Amino acid sequence: MTPRTESVDTPAGEARITWHAARSARLVLALGHGAGGGIEARDLQALAAALPARDVTVALVEQPWRVAGKKVAAAPKVLDEGWRALWPALERPGQPVVAGGRSAGARVACRTAAALGAAGVLALAFPLHPPGRPERSRAAELLGAGLPTLVVQGGRDPFGRPGEFPEGAYELAEVPFGDHGFAVPKKAGPTQEEALAVITGAVAPWLARLIG
């Protein structure tokens, strides 16, 4: 189906949802973007392309700061405010909603999902710490999600490699050689397409288990 775009008013400004609808949707996966880019990110686009065929509607959410054309992301409190305000637009009768996102969007999902009644959390490229600053851990946000959670992390992500993540009640899938944007070096072995297939191959069955 052709993607459909919807604008949603929030206290932080106008947000935008791009719907990639499944014909027989059983679940909605809402994905927010990071602080350094928008919904054109390769992982978000790969999931939007692959999951509707598996009965999952993908909603790519653009935060108000991005819709307004600003180059700097809003403060975490404002990001959470915008996400909470647009959440009702994501809900469909009989279709659980999984909160997700990449990088800063993953942090928003972890902080807000339980209170919003989400069915789970998908954290893509979770920024466990700033590059080179492992002492500034954000693990508490991830561990505090309180819902079934899947983390998909690049093997060479400077914001936190898979081996740095603490033990907790979540699943973790590694994208070999992937950086924070899941880009892989040309000489690494796996192609970029294969790296993206690792992401969709981890997310699709995890969502299927949530649906039951």
N, C-alpha and C. Protein backbone atom coordinates (compact mmCIF):
# COMPACT_ATOMS: atom_id res chain seq x y z
N MET A 1 0.83 -1.19 0.00
CA MET A 1 0.00 0.00 0.00
C MET A 1 0.87 1.25 0.00
N THR A 2 0.34 2.33 -0.55
CA THR A 2 1.05 3.60 -0.55
C THR A 2 1.04 4.20 0.86
N PRO A 3 2.19 4.64 1.37
CA PRO A 3 2.21 5.25 2.70
C PRO A 3 1.28 6.46 2.79
N ARG A 4 0.69 6.62 3.96
CA ARG A 4 -0.23 7.75 4.20
C ARG A 4 0.34 8.60 5.32
N THR A 5 0.30 9.91 5.15
CA THR A 5 0.84 10.83 6.14
C THR A 5 -0.28 11.54 6.89
N GLU A 6 -0.09 11.63 8.20
CA GLU A 6 -1.09 12.27 9.08
C GLU A 6 -0.38 13.26 10.00
N SER A 7 -0.93 14.45 10.13
CA SER A 7 -0.40 15.44 11.06
C SER A 7 -1.16 15.38 12.38
N VAL A 8 -0.44 15.55 13.47
CA VAL A 8 -1.04 15.48 14.80
C VAL A 8 -0.55 16.67 15.61
N ASP A 9 -1.47 17.41 16.18
CA ASP A 9 -1.10 18.54 17.04
C ASP A 9 -0.69 18.04 18.42
N THR A 10 0.41 18.58 18.93
CA THR A 10 0.86 18.26 20.28
C THR A 10 1.25 19.56 20.98
N PRO A 11 1.38 19.55 22.30
CA PRO A 11 1.83 20.76 23.00
C PRO A 11 3.22 21.23 22.55
N ALA A 12 3.99 20.31 21.96
CA ALA A 12 5.33 20.67 21.50
C ALA A 12 5.33 21.15 20.05
N GLY A 13 4.16 21.16 19.40
CA GLY A 13 4.07 21.53 18.00
C GLY A 13 3.47 20.40 17.17
N GLU A 14 3.47 20.58 15.88
CA GLU A 14 2.88 19.59 14.99
C GLU A 14 3.81 18.41 14.79
N ALA A 15 3.31 17.21 15.05
CA ALA A 15 4.03 15.98 14.76
C ALA A 15 3.46 15.37 13.49
N ARG A 16 4.17 14.38 12.95
CA ARG A 16 3.70 13.77 11.71
C ARG A 16 3.90 12.26 11.78
N ILE A 17 2.89 11.53 11.34
CA ILE A 17 2.95 10.07 11.30
C ILE A 17 2.84 9.62 9.84
N THR A 18 3.78 8.81 9.41
CA THR A 18 3.70 8.19 8.09
C THR A 18 3.34 6.73 8.28
N TRP A 19 2.17 6.37 7.77
CA TRP A 19 1.62 5.03 7.98
C TRP A 19 2.01 4.10 6.84
N HIS A 20 2.59 2.97 7.19
CA HIS A 20 2.85 1.88 6.25
C HIS A 20 1.93 0.74 6.71
N ALA A 21 0.74 0.69 6.14
CA ALA A 21 -0.32 -0.15 6.67
C ALA A 21 -0.26 -1.58 6.16
N ALA A 22 -0.57 -2.51 7.04
CA ALA A 22 -0.74 -3.91 6.67
C ALA A 22 -2.19 -4.13 6.28
N ARG A 23 -2.41 -5.02 5.33
CA ARG A 23 -3.79 -5.28 4.89
C ARG A 23 -4.61 -5.93 5.99
N SER A 24 -3.99 -6.81 6.75
CA SER A 24 -4.68 -7.49 7.86
C SER A 24 -3.86 -7.28 9.12
N ALA A 25 -3.82 -6.04 9.57
CA ALA A 25 -2.94 -5.69 10.69
C ALA A 25 -3.40 -6.33 11.99
N ARG A 26 -2.43 -6.89 12.71
CA ARG A 26 -2.69 -7.44 14.04
C ARG A 26 -2.00 -6.63 15.12
N LEU A 27 -1.12 -5.71 14.70
CA LEU A 27 -0.32 -4.95 15.65
C LEU A 27 0.19 -3.69 14.95
N VAL A 28 0.40 -2.63 15.73
CA VAL A 28 0.99 -1.39 15.23
C VAL A 28 2.36 -1.22 15.88
N LEU A 29 3.37 -0.99 15.07
CA LEU A 29 4.71 -0.68 15.57
C LEU A 29 4.98 0.79 15.30
N ALA A 30 5.06 1.57 16.37
CA ALA A 30 5.32 3.01 16.26
C ALA A 30 6.81 3.26 16.46
N LEU A 31 7.44 3.92 15.51
CA LEU A 31 8.88 4.12 15.55
C LEU A 31 9.24 5.60 15.45
N GLY A 32 9.95 6.08 16.45
CA GLY A 32 10.45 7.43 16.44
C GLY A 32 11.89 7.47 15.93
N HIS A 33 12.33 8.62 15.47
CA HIS A 33 13.67 8.77 14.90
C HIS A 33 14.65 9.24 15.96
N GLY A 34 15.90 9.37 15.56
CA GLY A 34 16.93 9.82 16.46
C GLY A 34 17.10 11.33 16.49
N ALA A 35 18.10 11.79 17.23
CA ALA A 35 18.34 13.22 17.35
C ALA A 35 19.12 13.78 16.16
N GLY A 36 19.74 12.91 15.37
CA GLY A 36 20.55 13.39 14.28
C GLY A 36 19.95 13.15 12.90
N GLY A 37 18.72 12.71 12.84
CA GLY A 37 18.10 12.43 11.55
C GLY A 37 16.62 12.16 11.71
N GLY A 38 15.98 11.80 10.60
CA GLY A 38 14.54 11.59 10.62
C GLY A 38 14.16 10.17 10.27
N ILE A 39 12.96 10.03 9.75
CA ILE A 39 12.43 8.70 9.47
C ILE A 39 13.03 8.08 8.22
N GLU A 40 13.95 8.79 7.57
CA GLU A 40 14.64 8.21 6.42
C GLU A 40 15.75 7.25 6.83
N ALA A 41 15.99 7.10 8.12
CA ALA A 41 17.04 6.20 8.60
C ALA A 41 16.85 4.80 8.03
N ARG A 42 17.96 4.16 7.69
CA ARG A 42 17.89 2.88 6.96
C ARG A 42 17.16 1.79 7.75
N ASP A 43 17.32 1.76 9.06
CA ASP A 43 16.66 0.71 9.84
C ASP A 43 15.15 0.94 9.90
N LEU A 44 14.74 2.19 10.06
CA LEU A 44 13.31 2.48 10.09
C LEU A 44 12.66 2.15 8.75
N GLN A 45 13.33 2.53 7.67
CA GLN A 45 12.78 2.27 6.34
C GLN A 45 12.74 0.77 6.05
N ALA A 46 13.73 0.03 6.49
CA ALA A 46 13.75 -1.41 6.26
C ALA A 46 12.58 -2.09 6.97
N LEU A 47 12.30 -1.68 8.18
CA LEU A 47 11.18 -2.26 8.92
C LEU A 47 9.85 -1.87 8.29
N ALA A 48 9.75 -0.62 7.84
CA ALA A 48 8.51 -0.16 7.21
C ALA A 48 8.25 -0.91 5.91
N ALA A 49 9.30 -1.33 5.23
CA ALA A 49 9.14 -2.06 3.98
C ALA A 49 8.81 -3.53 4.21
N ALA A 50 9.35 -4.11 5.28
CA ALA A 50 9.24 -5.56 5.47
C ALA A 50 8.05 -6.01 6.31
N LEU A 51 7.67 -5.23 7.30
CA LEU A 51 6.72 -5.74 8.29
C LEU A 51 5.25 -5.74 7.88
N PRO A 52 4.78 -4.82 7.03
CA PRO A 52 3.36 -4.89 6.66
C PRO A 52 2.96 -6.23 6.06
N ALA A 53 3.86 -6.90 5.37
CA ALA A 53 3.56 -8.22 4.81
C ALA A 53 3.40 -9.28 5.90
N ARG A 54 3.82 -8.93 7.12
CA ARG A 54 3.72 -9.84 8.26
C ARG A 54 2.63 -9.38 9.23
N ASP A 55 1.67 -8.68 8.72
CA ASP A 55 0.50 -8.23 9.50
C ASP A 55 0.83 -7.20 10.57
N VAL A 56 1.89 -6.44 10.35
CA VAL A 56 2.27 -5.37 11.28
C VAL A 56 2.21 -4.04 10.54
N THR A 57 1.39 -3.13 11.02
CA THR A 57 1.38 -1.77 10.48
C THR A 57 2.49 -0.98 11.15
N VAL A 58 3.31 -0.32 10.35
CA VAL A 58 4.42 0.47 10.87
C VAL A 58 4.07 1.95 10.76
N ALA A 59 4.17 2.65 11.88
CA ALA A 59 3.91 4.09 11.93
C ALA A 59 5.22 4.80 12.23
N LEU A 60 5.75 5.51 11.25
CA LEU A 60 6.99 6.27 11.44
C LEU A 60 6.64 7.67 11.92
N VAL A 61 7.12 7.99 13.09
CA VAL A 61 6.72 9.23 13.77
C VAL A 61 7.82 10.26 13.71
N GLU A 62 7.47 11.46 13.22
CA GLU A 62 8.40 12.59 13.20
C GLU A 62 8.03 13.54 14.33
N GLN A 63 8.99 13.78 15.20
CA GLN A 63 8.79 14.67 16.32
C GLN A 63 8.60 16.11 15.85
N PRO A 64 7.91 16.93 16.64
CA PRO A 64 7.63 18.32 16.23
C PRO A 64 8.87 19.12 15.83
N TRP A 65 9.97 18.94 16.53
CA TRP A 65 11.17 19.71 16.17
C TRP A 65 11.64 19.39 14.76
N ARG A 66 11.46 18.13 14.37
CA ARG A 66 11.88 17.73 13.03
C ARG A 66 10.91 18.25 11.98
N VAL A 67 9.62 18.19 12.27
CA VAL A 67 8.61 18.70 11.35
C VAL A 67 8.80 20.19 11.12
N ALA A 68 9.21 20.90 12.16
CA ALA A 68 9.41 22.34 12.07
C ALA A 68 10.69 22.72 11.34
N GLY A 69 11.49 21.73 10.97
CA GLY A 69 12.70 22.02 10.22
C GLY A 69 13.90 22.41 11.07
N LYS A 70 13.82 22.20 12.37
CA LYS A 70 14.94 22.54 13.24
C LYS A 70 16.03 21.47 13.13
N LYS A 71 17.27 21.88 13.36
CA LYS A 71 18.40 20.97 13.22
C LYS A 71 18.84 20.36 14.55
N VAL A 72 18.35 20.91 15.63
CA VAL A 72 18.73 20.42 16.95
C VAL A 72 17.50 19.83 17.64
N ALA A 73 17.64 18.64 18.17
CA ALA A 73 16.52 17.97 18.82
C ALA A 73 16.10 18.70 20.09
N ALA A 74 14.84 18.56 20.42
CA ALA A 74 14.31 19.14 21.64
C ALA A 74 14.84 18.37 22.86
N ALA A 75 14.64 18.96 24.03
CA ALA A 75 15.06 18.32 25.28
C ALA A 75 14.26 17.04 25.51
N PRO A 76 14.81 16.07 26.24
CA PRO A 76 14.10 14.82 26.49
C PRO A 76 12.68 15.01 27.01
N LYS A 77 12.48 15.95 27.92
CA LYS A 77 11.15 16.19 28.47
C LYS A 77 10.17 16.59 27.37
N VAL A 78 10.63 17.41 26.43
CA VAL A 78 9.76 17.86 25.34
C VAL A 78 9.50 16.72 24.35
N LEU A 79 10.51 15.89 24.11
CA LEU A 79 10.31 14.72 23.24
C LEU A 79 9.25 13.79 23.83
N ASP A 80 9.35 13.56 25.13
CA ASP A 80 8.37 12.68 25.79
C ASP A 80 6.97 13.29 25.72
N GLU A 81 6.90 14.59 25.89
CA GLU A 81 5.60 15.28 25.85
C GLU A 81 4.95 15.13 24.48
N GLY A 82 5.73 15.33 23.44
CA GLY A 82 5.19 15.17 22.09
C GLY A 82 4.75 13.75 21.81
N TRP A 83 5.54 12.79 22.24
CA TRP A 83 5.22 11.37 22.02
C TRP A 83 3.94 10.98 22.74
N ARG A 84 3.82 11.39 23.98
CA ARG A 84 2.60 11.07 24.74
C ARG A 84 1.36 11.68 24.09
N ALA A 85 1.50 12.90 23.58
CA ALA A 85 0.34 13.59 23.01
C ALA A 85 -0.12 12.94 21.71
N LEU A 86 0.80 12.39 20.94
CA LEU A 86 0.40 11.80 19.66
C LEU A 86 -0.01 10.33 19.79
N TRP A 87 0.23 9.75 20.94
CA TRP A 87 -0.05 8.32 21.12
C TRP A 87 -1.48 7.92 20.77
N PRO A 88 -2.50 8.69 21.18
CA PRO A 88 -3.87 8.28 20.83
C PRO A 88 -4.09 8.12 19.33
N ALA A 89 -3.35 8.86 18.51
CA ALA A 89 -3.49 8.74 17.06
C ALA A 89 -2.92 7.43 16.53
N LEU A 90 -2.13 6.74 17.35
CA LEU A 90 -1.53 5.48 16.95
C LEU A 90 -2.40 4.28 17.28
N GLU A 91 -3.38 4.47 18.12
CA GLU A 91 -4.18 3.35 18.61
C GLU A 91 -5.29 2.98 17.63
N ARG A 92 -5.45 1.67 17.45
CA ARG A 92 -6.49 1.12 16.59
C ARG A 92 -7.21 0.01 17.35
N PRO A 93 -8.53 -0.12 17.22
CA PRO A 93 -9.27 -1.16 17.94
C PRO A 93 -8.70 -2.55 17.65
N GLY A 94 -8.43 -3.29 18.70
CA GLY A 94 -7.97 -4.66 18.55
C GLY A 94 -6.54 -4.82 18.09
N GLN A 95 -5.79 -3.72 18.03
CA GLN A 95 -4.40 -3.79 17.57
C GLN A 95 -3.48 -3.21 18.64
N PRO A 96 -2.75 -4.07 19.37
CA PRO A 96 -1.79 -3.55 20.35
C PRO A 96 -0.77 -2.65 19.66
N VAL A 97 -0.22 -1.72 20.41
CA VAL A 97 0.80 -0.82 19.87
C VAL A 97 2.12 -1.09 20.59
N VAL A 98 3.17 -1.33 19.82
CA VAL A 98 4.51 -1.46 20.37
C VAL A 98 5.21 -0.12 20.18
N ALA A 99 5.79 0.40 21.26
CA ALA A 99 6.52 1.67 21.18
C ALA A 99 7.97 1.39 20.82
N GLY A 100 8.48 2.14 19.87
CA GLY A 100 9.86 1.90 19.47
C GLY A 100 10.50 3.13 18.87
N GLY A 101 11.74 2.97 18.50
CA GLY A 101 12.46 4.05 17.88
C GLY A 101 13.94 3.73 17.84
N ARG A 102 14.66 4.61 17.18
CA ARG A 102 16.11 4.45 17.12
C ARG A 102 16.78 5.56 17.92
N SER A 103 17.85 5.22 18.63
CA SER A 103 18.67 6.17 19.37
C SER A 103 17.82 6.99 20.35
N ALA A 104 17.74 8.31 20.17
CA ALA A 104 16.92 9.12 21.08
C ALA A 104 15.47 8.67 21.08
N GLY A 105 14.98 8.21 19.94
CA GLY A 105 13.61 7.70 19.88
C GLY A 105 13.43 6.45 20.70
N ALA A 106 14.47 5.63 20.81
CA ALA A 106 14.41 4.45 21.67
C ALA A 106 14.33 4.85 23.14
N ARG A 107 15.06 5.89 23.50
CA ARG A 107 15.00 6.37 24.89
C ARG A 107 13.60 6.88 25.23
N VAL A 108 13.00 7.62 24.31
CA VAL A 108 11.63 8.10 24.53
C VAL A 108 10.68 6.93 24.75
N ALA A 109 10.80 5.90 23.91
CA ALA A 109 9.92 4.74 24.03
C ALA A 109 10.11 4.06 25.38
N CYS A 110 11.35 3.88 25.81
CA CYS A 110 11.61 3.24 27.09
C CYS A 110 11.03 4.04 28.26
N ARG A 111 11.11 5.35 28.19
CA ARG A 111 10.65 6.19 29.30
C ARG A 111 9.14 6.26 29.40
N THR A 112 8.43 6.09 28.29
CA THR A 112 7.00 6.38 28.28
C THR A 112 6.10 5.18 28.03
N ALA A 113 6.64 4.06 27.55
CA ALA A 113 5.80 2.97 27.03
C ALA A 113 4.85 2.39 28.07
N ALA A 114 5.34 2.13 29.26
CA ALA A 114 4.50 1.48 30.26
C ALA A 114 3.30 2.34 30.62
N ALA A 115 3.53 3.63 30.84
CA ALA A 115 2.43 4.52 31.22
C ALA A 115 1.41 4.67 30.10
N LEU A 116 1.85 4.51 28.86
CA LEU A 116 0.94 4.65 27.71
C LEU A 116 0.18 3.37 27.39
N GLY A 117 0.55 2.28 28.05
CA GLY A 117 -0.14 1.02 27.80
C GLY A 117 0.37 0.28 26.57
N ALA A 118 1.62 0.52 26.20
CA ALA A 118 2.21 -0.17 25.05
C ALA A 118 2.34 -1.66 25.33
N ALA A 119 2.39 -2.44 24.25
CA ALA A 119 2.52 -3.89 24.38
C ALA A 119 3.97 -4.32 24.53
N GLY A 120 4.90 -3.45 24.19
CA GLY A 120 6.31 -3.77 24.27
C GLY A 120 7.14 -2.60 23.80
N VAL A 121 8.46 -2.76 23.81
CA VAL A 121 9.38 -1.71 23.42
C VAL A 121 10.42 -2.28 22.46
N LEU A 122 10.61 -1.61 21.33
CA LEU A 122 11.68 -1.95 20.40
C LEU A 122 12.70 -0.82 20.42
N ALA A 123 13.91 -1.14 20.87
CA ALA A 123 14.97 -0.14 20.98
C ALA A 123 16.03 -0.42 19.94
N LEU A 124 16.07 0.41 18.91
CA LEU A 124 17.06 0.29 17.84
C LEU A 124 18.22 1.23 18.12
N ALA A 125 19.44 0.69 18.13
CA ALA A 125 20.63 1.52 18.38
C ALA A 125 20.47 2.33 19.66
N PHE A 126 20.13 1.65 20.75
CA PHE A 126 19.93 2.35 22.02
C PHE A 126 21.24 3.02 22.43
N PRO A 127 21.22 4.33 22.71
CA PRO A 127 22.46 5.04 23.08
C PRO A 127 22.78 4.82 24.56
N LEU A 128 23.43 3.71 24.84
CA LEU A 128 23.69 3.34 26.23
C LEU A 128 24.51 4.39 26.96
N HIS A 129 25.39 5.05 26.23
CA HIS A 129 26.20 6.13 26.80
C HIS A 129 26.72 7.00 25.67
N PRO A 130 27.13 8.22 25.96
CA PRO A 130 27.78 9.03 24.91
C PRO A 130 29.07 8.35 24.48
N PRO A 131 29.49 8.53 23.22
CA PRO A 131 30.73 7.90 22.76
C PRO A 131 31.92 8.24 23.66
N GLY A 132 32.62 7.21 24.08
CA GLY A 132 33.80 7.39 24.91
C GLY A 132 33.50 7.73 26.36
N ARG A 133 32.23 7.71 26.77
CA ARG A 133 31.86 8.08 28.15
C ARG A 133 31.00 6.98 28.77
N PRO A 134 31.53 5.79 28.94
CA PRO A 134 30.72 4.69 29.49
C PRO A 134 30.23 4.94 30.91
N GLU A 135 30.88 5.85 31.61
CA GLU A 135 30.44 6.15 32.98
C GLU A 135 29.10 6.90 33.01
N ARG A 136 28.70 7.48 31.87
CA ARG A 136 27.42 8.19 31.80
C ARG A 136 26.35 7.26 31.22
N SER A 137 26.12 6.19 31.91
CA SER A 137 25.22 5.14 31.43
C SER A 137 23.76 5.57 31.49
N ARG A 138 23.01 5.15 30.46
CA ARG A 138 21.56 5.36 30.43
C ARG A 138 20.83 4.03 30.60
N ALA A 139 21.52 3.06 31.17
CA ALA A 139 20.94 1.73 31.32
C ALA A 139 19.65 1.76 32.13
N ALA A 140 19.53 2.69 33.06
CA ALA A 140 18.34 2.75 33.90
C ALA A 140 17.08 2.96 33.07
N GLU A 141 17.18 3.74 32.00
CA GLU A 141 16.02 3.95 31.14
C GLU A 141 15.59 2.65 30.48
N LEU A 142 16.57 1.89 29.98
CA LEU A 142 16.27 0.62 29.33
C LEU A 142 15.72 -0.39 30.32
N LEU A 143 16.38 -0.52 31.45
CA LEU A 143 15.98 -1.51 32.45
C LEU A 143 14.65 -1.13 33.10
N GLY A 144 14.30 0.15 33.04
CA GLY A 144 13.06 0.60 33.67
C GLY A 144 11.86 0.57 32.76
N ALA A 145 12.01 0.07 31.54
CA ALA A 145 10.89 0.06 30.59
C ALA A 145 9.70 -0.73 31.13
N GLY A 146 9.98 -1.82 31.81
CA GLY A 146 8.90 -2.58 32.46
C GLY A 146 8.00 -3.37 31.53
N LEU A 147 8.44 -3.58 30.29
CA LEU A 147 7.65 -4.29 29.29
C LEU A 147 8.56 -5.22 28.49
N PRO A 148 8.00 -6.18 27.75
CA PRO A 148 8.84 -6.96 26.85
C PRO A 148 9.62 -6.03 25.94
N THR A 149 10.92 -6.20 25.89
CA THR A 149 11.78 -5.26 25.17
C THR A 149 12.80 -6.01 24.32
N LEU A 150 12.97 -5.53 23.09
CA LEU A 150 14.01 -6.03 22.21
C LEU A 150 14.95 -4.88 21.88
N VAL A 151 16.23 -5.10 22.09
CA VAL A 151 17.27 -4.15 21.71
C VAL A 151 17.98 -4.71 20.48
N VAL A 152 18.11 -3.89 19.44
CA VAL A 152 18.88 -4.27 18.26
C VAL A 152 20.06 -3.30 18.18
N GLN A 153 21.27 -3.85 18.27
CA GLN A 153 22.45 -3.00 18.43
C GLN A 153 23.54 -3.39 17.46
N GLY A 154 24.19 -2.37 16.88
CA GLY A 154 25.32 -2.62 15.99
C GLY A 154 26.53 -3.11 16.76
N GLY A 155 27.28 -4.01 16.17
CA GLY A 155 28.42 -4.59 16.84
C GLY A 155 29.54 -3.62 17.13
N ARG A 156 29.59 -2.50 16.41
CA ARG A 156 30.62 -1.49 16.66
C ARG A 156 30.01 -0.12 16.94
N ASP A 157 28.86 -0.12 17.58
CA ASP A 157 28.18 1.14 17.90
C ASP A 157 28.95 1.88 19.00
N PRO A 158 29.46 3.09 18.72
CA PRO A 158 30.22 3.81 19.75
C PRO A 158 29.35 4.29 20.91
N PHE A 159 28.04 4.26 20.73
CA PHE A 159 27.14 4.63 21.83
C PHE A 159 26.83 3.43 22.75
N GLY A 160 27.47 2.32 22.49
CA GLY A 160 27.27 1.13 23.32
C GLY A 160 27.29 -0.12 22.47
N ARG A 161 28.33 -0.92 22.63
CA ARG A 161 28.41 -2.18 21.91
C ARG A 161 27.63 -3.24 22.67
N PRO A 162 27.18 -4.27 21.98
CA PRO A 162 26.35 -5.28 22.66
C PRO A 162 26.95 -5.81 23.96
N GLY A 163 28.26 -6.03 23.98
CA GLY A 163 28.90 -6.56 25.17
C GLY A 163 28.89 -5.64 26.36
N GLU A 164 28.60 -4.37 26.14
CA GLU A 164 28.56 -3.40 27.24
C GLU A 164 27.22 -3.37 27.96
N PHE A 165 26.19 -3.96 27.37
CA PHE A 165 24.86 -3.87 27.96
C PHE A 165 24.76 -4.75 29.19
N PRO A 166 24.13 -4.23 30.24
CA PRO A 166 23.98 -5.02 31.47
C PRO A 166 22.92 -6.11 31.30
N GLU A 167 22.98 -7.08 32.17
CA GLU A 167 21.95 -8.11 32.17
C GLU A 167 20.63 -7.48 32.59
N GLY A 168 19.56 -7.99 32.01
CA GLY A 168 18.24 -7.45 32.35
C GLY A 168 17.15 -8.23 31.66
N ALA A 169 15.93 -7.84 31.93
CA ALA A 169 14.77 -8.54 31.37
C ALA A 169 14.44 -8.00 29.98
N TYR A 170 15.36 -8.20 29.06
CA TYR A 170 15.13 -7.79 27.68
C TYR A 170 15.94 -8.72 26.78
N GLU A 171 15.60 -8.71 25.50
CA GLU A 171 16.36 -9.48 24.52
C GLU A 171 17.26 -8.54 23.75
N LEU A 172 18.39 -9.05 23.28
CA LEU A 172 19.33 -8.23 22.53
C LEU A 172 19.77 -8.98 21.29
N ALA A 173 19.66 -8.32 20.15
CA ALA A 173 20.11 -8.88 18.88
C ALA A 173 21.23 -8.00 18.34
N GLU A 174 22.31 -8.61 17.91
CA GLU A 174 23.46 -7.87 17.40
C GLU A 174 23.47 -7.86 15.87
N VAL A 175 23.77 -6.70 15.31
CA VAL A 175 24.01 -6.56 13.88
C VAL A 175 25.52 -6.52 13.69
N PRO A 176 26.14 -7.61 13.24
CA PRO A 176 27.59 -7.64 13.15
C PRO A 176 28.16 -6.49 12.33
N PHE A 177 29.19 -5.86 12.89
CA PHE A 177 29.94 -4.76 12.24
C PHE A 177 29.12 -3.48 12.08
N GLY A 178 27.88 -3.44 12.53
CA GLY A 178 27.05 -2.26 12.36
C GLY A 178 27.47 -1.12 13.28
N ASP A 179 27.43 0.11 12.75
CA ASP A 179 27.69 1.28 13.59
C ASP A 179 26.38 1.79 14.18
N HIS A 180 26.35 3.03 14.64
CA HIS A 180 25.15 3.55 15.29
C HIS A 180 23.97 3.66 14.31
N GLY A 181 24.28 3.83 13.03
CA GLY A 181 23.24 3.88 12.00
C GLY A 181 23.08 2.56 11.28
N PHE A 182 23.72 1.51 11.82
CA PHE A 182 23.71 0.15 11.24
C PHE A 182 24.39 0.09 9.88
N ALA A 183 25.25 1.07 9.59
CA ALA A 183 26.07 0.98 8.39
C ALA A 183 27.20 -0.01 8.66
N VAL A 184 27.55 -0.81 7.65
CA VAL A 184 28.65 -1.77 7.79
C VAL A 184 29.74 -1.42 6.79
N PRO A 185 31.01 -1.60 7.17
CA PRO A 185 32.10 -1.32 6.23
C PRO A 185 32.01 -2.24 5.01
N LYS A 186 32.44 -1.74 3.88
CA LYS A 186 32.34 -2.52 2.65
C LYS A 186 33.15 -3.80 2.71
N LYS A 187 34.23 -3.78 3.48
CA LYS A 187 35.10 -4.96 3.56
C LYS A 187 34.82 -5.80 4.81
N ALA A 188 33.72 -5.51 5.50
CA ALA A 188 33.45 -6.22 6.75
C ALA A 188 33.05 -7.67 6.53
N GLY A 189 32.43 -7.97 5.43
CA GLY A 189 31.93 -9.32 5.19
C GLY A 189 30.48 -9.27 4.78
N PRO A 190 29.56 -8.96 5.74
CA PRO A 190 28.15 -8.84 5.36
C PRO A 190 27.91 -7.57 4.55
N THR A 191 27.00 -7.64 3.60
CA THR A 191 26.63 -6.46 2.84
C THR A 191 25.66 -5.61 3.65
N GLN A 192 25.40 -4.39 3.17
CA GLN A 192 24.43 -3.55 3.85
C GLN A 192 23.05 -4.19 3.84
N GLU A 193 22.68 -4.81 2.75
CA GLU A 193 21.39 -5.48 2.66
C GLU A 193 21.29 -6.62 3.66
N GLU A 194 22.38 -7.35 3.83
CA GLU A 194 22.39 -8.45 4.81
C GLU A 194 22.29 -7.93 6.23
N ALA A 195 22.91 -6.79 6.49
CA ALA A 195 22.82 -6.19 7.82
C ALA A 195 21.38 -5.78 8.14
N LEU A 196 20.71 -5.19 7.16
CA LEU A 196 19.32 -4.81 7.38
C LEU A 196 18.43 -6.03 7.53
N ALA A 197 18.79 -7.11 6.84
CA ALA A 197 18.02 -8.35 6.98
C ALA A 197 18.15 -8.93 8.38
N VAL A 198 19.29 -8.70 9.03
CA VAL A 198 19.45 -9.12 10.42
C VAL A 198 18.45 -8.39 11.31
N ILE A 199 18.27 -7.10 11.04
CA ILE A 199 17.33 -6.30 11.84
C ILE A 199 15.91 -6.81 11.67
N THR A 200 15.46 -6.90 10.42
CA THR A 200 14.08 -7.35 10.20
C THR A 200 13.91 -8.79 10.65
N GLY A 201 14.97 -9.59 10.51
CA GLY A 201 14.89 -10.99 10.92
C GLY A 201 14.82 -11.17 12.42
N ALA A 202 15.28 -10.19 13.18
CA ALA A 202 15.16 -10.23 14.63
C ALA A 202 13.83 -9.66 15.10
N VAL A 203 13.41 -8.56 14.45
CA VAL A 203 12.21 -7.86 14.91
C VAL A 203 10.93 -8.62 14.58
N ALA A 204 10.83 -9.16 13.37
CA ALA A 204 9.59 -9.81 12.94
C ALA A 204 9.16 -10.95 13.85
N PRO A 205 10.04 -11.91 14.18
CA PRO A 205 9.60 -13.00 15.06
C PRO A 205 9.32 -12.55 16.49
N TRP A 206 10.06 -11.53 16.94
CA TRP A 206 9.80 -11.00 18.28
C TRP A 206 8.40 -10.39 18.34
N LEU A 207 8.02 -9.64 17.34
CA LEU A 207 6.66 -9.09 17.29
C LEU A 207 5.63 -10.19 17.20
N ALA A 208 5.93 -11.24 16.43
CA ALA A 208 4.98 -12.35 16.28
C ALA A 208 4.74 -13.01 17.63
N ARG A 209 5.77 -13.10 18.45
CA ARG A 209 5.57 -13.69 19.79
C ARG A 209 4.71 -12.79 20.67
N LEU A 210 4.84 -11.49 20.50
CA LEU A 210 3.99 -10.57 21.28
C LEU A 210 2.52 -10.74 20.90
N ILE A 211 2.28 -10.90 19.61
CA ILE A 211 0.91 -11.07 19.14
C ILE A 211 0.34 -12.39 19.63
N GLY A 212 1.21 -13.38 19.71
CA GLY A 212 0.77 -14.71 20.15
C GLY A 212 0.16 -15.49 19.02
